[in-house]
């Protein structure tokens, strides 16, 4: 579930982030690559992993597993 949420949220969150960064005078590429410190693909993977971890924590909090369910 967390992987689906992280993947589906990528496009709208990226569009909103790009608009905010353009408003403040920065570029989306600089944000994704941590200021050019890493390759663009690795930056996308890093940000996706951050979103995945947040979605996983949220899913575990909202949908706690209790023994005997399934």
C-alpha atoms as a PDB file:
ATOM      1  CA  UNK A   1       0.000   0.000   0.000  1.00  0.00           C
ATOM      2  CA  UNK A   2       2.824   2.418   0.836  1.00  0.00           C
ATOM      3  CA  UNK A   3       4.492   1.813  -2.530  1.00  0.00           C
ATOM      4  CA  UNK A   4       1.253   2.571  -4.359  1.00  0.00           C
ATOM      5  CA  UNK A   5       0.690   5.770  -2.399  1.00  0.00           C
ATOM      6  CA  UNK A   6       4.274   6.930  -2.874  1.00  0.00           C
ATOM      7  CA  UNK A   7       4.094   6.245  -6.612  1.00  0.00           C
ATOM      8  CA  UNK A   8       0.694   7.863  -7.159  1.00  0.00           C
ATOM      9  CA  UNK A   9       1.605  10.944  -5.145  1.00  0.00           C
ATOM     10  CA  UNK A  10       4.778  11.507  -7.162  1.00  0.00           C
ATOM     11  CA  UNK A  11       3.280  13.455 -10.092  1.00  0.00           C
ATOM     12  CA  UNK A  12       0.981  15.842  -8.183  1.00  0.00           C
ATOM     13  CA  UNK A  13       3.571  16.449  -5.467  1.00  0.00           C
ATOM     14  CA  UNK A  14       6.239  17.045  -8.106  1.00  0.00           C
ATOM     15  CA  UNK A  15       4.058  19.518  -9.977  1.00  0.00           C
ATOM     16  CA  UNK A  16       3.279  21.428  -6.791  1.00  0.00           C
ATOM     17  CA  UNK A  17       6.936  21.376  -5.780  1.00  0.00           C
ATOM     18  CA  UNK A  18       8.041  22.602  -9.214  1.00  0.00           C
ATOM     19  CA  UNK A  19       5.600  25.509  -9.005  1.00  0.00           C
ATOM     20  CA  UNK A  20       6.772  26.438  -5.510  1.00  0.00           C
ATOM     21  CA  UNK A  21      10.434  26.210  -6.469  1.00  0.00           C
ATOM     22  CA  UNK A  22       9.864  28.343  -9.574  1.00  0.00           C
ATOM     23  CA  UNK A  23       8.127  30.927  -7.421  1.00  0.00           C
ATOM     24  CA  UNK A  24      11.112  31.091  -5.077  1.00  0.00           C
ATOM     25  CA  UNK A  25      13.644  31.153  -7.941  1.00  0.00           C
ATOM     26  CA  UNK A  26      15.076  27.648  -7.744  1.00  0.00           C
ATOM     27  CA  UNK A  27      14.907  24.751 -10.171  1.00  0.00           C
ATOM     28  CA  UNK A  28      13.332  21.344  -9.746  1.00  0.00           C
ATOM     29  CA  UNK A  29      16.495  19.717 -11.089  1.00  0.00           C
ATOM     30  CA  UNK A  30      18.618  21.314  -8.381  1.00  0.00           C
ATOM     31  CA  UNK A  31      16.167  20.130  -5.726  1.00  0.00           C
ATOM     32  CA  UNK A  32      15.986  16.557  -7.022  1.00  0.00           C
ATOM     33  CA  UNK A  33      19.751  16.210  -7.421  1.00  0.00           C
ATOM     34  CA  UNK A  34      20.498  17.841  -4.055  1.00  0.00           C
ATOM     35  CA  UNK A  35      22.179  20.770  -5.745  1.00  0.00           C
ATOM     36  CA  UNK A  36      23.936  18.599  -8.337  1.00  0.00           C
ATOM     37  CA  UNK A  37      25.558  16.323  -5.751  1.00  0.00           C
ATOM     38  CA  UNK A  38      24.057  13.135  -7.217  1.00  0.00           C
ATOM     39  CA  UNK A  39      22.756  11.944 -10.584  1.00  0.00           C
ATOM     40  CA  UNK A  40      19.153  12.779 -11.457  1.00  0.00           C
ATOM     41  CA  UNK A  41      17.986   9.151 -11.442  1.00  0.00           C
ATOM     42  CA  UNK A  42      19.457   8.538  -8.006  1.00  0.00           C
ATOM     43  CA  UNK A  43      17.851  11.746  -6.776  1.00  0.00           C
ATOM     44  CA  UNK A  44      14.439  10.590  -7.983  1.00  0.00           C
ATOM     45  CA  UNK A  45      14.977   7.235  -6.272  1.00  0.00           C
ATOM     46  CA  UNK A  46      16.046   8.964  -3.046  1.00  0.00           C
ATOM     47  CA  UNK A  47      12.985  11.218  -3.008  1.00  0.00           C
ATOM     48  CA  UNK A  48      10.705   8.278  -3.865  1.00  0.00           C
ATOM     49  CA  UNK A  49      12.212   6.316  -0.968  1.00  0.00           C
ATOM     50  CA  UNK A  50      11.574   9.265   1.353  1.00  0.00           C
ATOM     51  CA  UNK A  51       7.945   9.344   0.219  1.00  0.00           C
ATOM     52  CA  UNK A  52       7.717   5.579   0.607  1.00  0.00           C
ATOM     53  CA  UNK A  53       8.986   5.703   4.186  1.00  0.00           C
ATOM     54  CA  UNK A  54       6.509   8.449   5.059  1.00  0.00           C
ATOM     55  CA  UNK A  55       3.643   6.542   3.411  1.00  0.00           C
ATOM     56  CA  UNK A  56       4.704   3.346   5.197  1.00  0.00           C
ATOM     57  CA  UNK A  57       4.706   5.080   8.577  1.00  0.00           C
ATOM     58  CA  UNK A  58       1.305   6.602   7.839  1.00  0.00           C
ATOM     59  CA  UNK A  59      -0.150   3.262   6.708  1.00  0.00           C
ATOM     60  CA  UNK A  60       1.170   1.501   9.811  1.00  0.00           C
ATOM     61  CA  UNK A  61      -0.342   4.198  12.018  1.00  0.00           C
ATOM     62  CA  UNK A  62      -3.755   4.304  10.328  1.00  0.00           C
ATOM     63  CA  UNK A  63      -4.085   0.584   9.626  1.00  0.00           C
ATOM     64  CA  UNK A  64      -2.473  -1.184  12.596  1.00  0.00           C
ATOM     65  CA  UNK A  65      -2.138  -4.937  12.308  1.00  0.00           C
ATOM     66  CA  UNK A  66      -3.647  -6.934  15.115  1.00  0.00           C
ATOM     67  CA  UNK A  67      -2.984 -10.627  15.472  1.00  0.00           C
ATOM     68  CA  UNK A  68      -5.733 -12.890  14.202  1.00  0.00           C
ATOM     69  CA  UNK A  69      -6.768 -10.604  11.365  1.00  0.00           C
ATOM     70  CA  UNK A  70      -6.628 -11.851   7.783  1.00  0.00           C
END
